[in-house]
């Protein structure tokens, strides 16, 4: 539990807290690479592969594409770039 004195705010308390980096530089580089792993939505994937969105769904059912990493609703799904690359799908 964080206690504040009169007039103090959470933002001031956060700014006043010294930030130390607990990770060694090698781990920081690997985290940076993971952050570059962008999300490819079905619509974008279909455009890049020059196929219809329904074809993407059919390929998933046939096992030609991995299951999506993100499913927002029935129409909006997506994959991490690394997931597609690991499955042998080339996207730019």
Protein backbone atom coordinates (compact mmCIF):
# COMPACT_ATOMS: atom_id res chain seq x y z
CA UNK A 1 0.00 0.00 0.00
CA UNK A 2 1.33 3.43 -0.95
CA UNK A 3 0.70 6.29 1.43
CA UNK A 4 0.81 9.92 0.32
CA UNK A 5 1.22 13.01 2.43
CA UNK A 6 -1.05 15.99 1.98
CA UNK A 7 -0.50 17.56 -1.43
CA UNK A 8 1.37 14.55 -2.86
CA UNK A 9 0.07 12.79 -5.94
CA UNK A 10 0.74 9.40 -7.44
CA UNK A 11 2.43 11.03 -10.44
CA UNK A 12 4.85 12.91 -8.18
CA UNK A 13 5.61 9.74 -6.23
CA UNK A 14 6.38 7.84 -9.43
CA UNK A 15 8.61 10.61 -10.76
CA UNK A 16 10.46 10.78 -7.45
CA UNK A 17 11.21 7.04 -7.44
CA UNK A 18 14.67 6.38 -8.89
CA UNK A 19 14.51 3.94 -11.80
CA UNK A 20 17.24 1.31 -12.01
CA UNK A 21 17.52 -1.11 -14.86
CA UNK A 22 17.70 -4.60 -13.35
CA UNK A 23 18.39 -6.35 -16.67
CA UNK A 24 21.81 -6.90 -18.21
CA UNK A 25 22.39 -5.39 -21.68
CA UNK A 26 22.09 -8.77 -23.46
CA UNK A 27 18.56 -9.27 -22.13
CA UNK A 28 17.64 -5.71 -23.06
CA UNK A 29 18.61 -6.41 -26.68
CA UNK A 30 16.44 -9.54 -26.78
CA UNK A 31 13.51 -7.57 -25.35
CA UNK A 32 13.99 -4.97 -28.08
CA UNK A 33 13.79 -7.70 -30.71
CA UNK A 34 10.57 -9.02 -29.16
CA UNK A 35 9.07 -5.54 -29.27
CA UNK A 36 9.74 -5.45 -33.03
CA UNK A 37 7.47 -8.50 -33.37
CA UNK A 38 4.45 -6.71 -34.82
CA UNK A 39 0.91 -7.99 -35.20
CA UNK A 40 -0.33 -8.96 -38.67
CA UNK A 41 -4.12 -8.92 -38.98
CA UNK A 42 -5.96 -11.33 -41.29
CA UNK A 43 -6.88 -8.52 -43.71
CA UNK A 44 -3.26 -7.40 -44.02
CA UNK A 45 -2.02 -10.98 -44.39
CA UNK A 46 -4.55 -11.62 -47.16
CA UNK A 47 -3.44 -8.45 -48.98
CA UNK A 48 0.24 -9.35 -48.71
CA UNK A 49 -0.38 -12.89 -49.95
CA UNK A 50 -2.81 -11.68 -52.67
CA UNK A 51 -5.64 -13.94 -51.50
CA UNK A 52 -9.13 -13.39 -50.10
CA UNK A 53 -9.68 -13.21 -46.32
CA UNK A 54 -11.73 -16.40 -46.56
CA UNK A 55 -8.73 -18.20 -48.06
CA UNK A 56 -6.78 -17.35 -44.90
CA UNK A 57 -9.54 -19.00 -42.83
CA UNK A 58 -9.52 -22.07 -45.07
CA UNK A 59 -5.75 -22.37 -44.78
CA UNK A 60 -6.06 -22.23 -40.99
CA UNK A 61 -8.62 -25.08 -41.06
CA UNK A 62 -6.35 -27.10 -43.35
CA UNK A 63 -3.34 -26.54 -41.06
CA UNK A 64 -1.43 -24.51 -43.64
CA UNK A 65 -1.38 -21.53 -41.25
CA UNK A 66 -0.84 -21.60 -37.49
CA UNK A 67 -3.69 -20.64 -35.16
CA UNK A 68 -3.89 -16.88 -34.59
CA UNK A 69 -2.05 -15.38 -31.62
CA UNK A 70 -4.79 -12.77 -31.12
CA UNK A 71 -8.53 -13.16 -31.55
CA UNK A 72 -10.41 -9.94 -30.91
CA UNK A 73 -13.71 -11.19 -32.37
CA UNK A 74 -14.78 -13.60 -35.11
CA UNK A 75 -13.65 -11.26 -37.89
CA UNK A 76 -10.56 -9.68 -36.35
CA UNK A 77 -7.69 -12.09 -35.75
CA UNK A 78 -3.96 -11.69 -36.03
CA UNK A 79 -0.58 -13.32 -35.78
CA UNK A 80 2.73 -12.16 -34.42
CA UNK A 81 5.23 -11.75 -37.21
CA UNK A 82 7.51 -14.32 -35.54
CA UNK A 83 4.68 -16.92 -35.52
CA UNK A 84 4.15 -16.54 -39.26
CA UNK A 85 7.89 -16.63 -39.97
CA UNK A 86 8.26 -19.80 -37.87
CA UNK A 87 5.49 -21.40 -39.96
CA UNK A 88 7.35 -20.49 -43.15
CA UNK A 89 5.03 -17.66 -44.22
CA UNK A 90 6.94 -14.73 -45.68
CA UNK A 91 5.45 -11.31 -45.04
CA UNK A 92 7.03 -7.89 -45.27
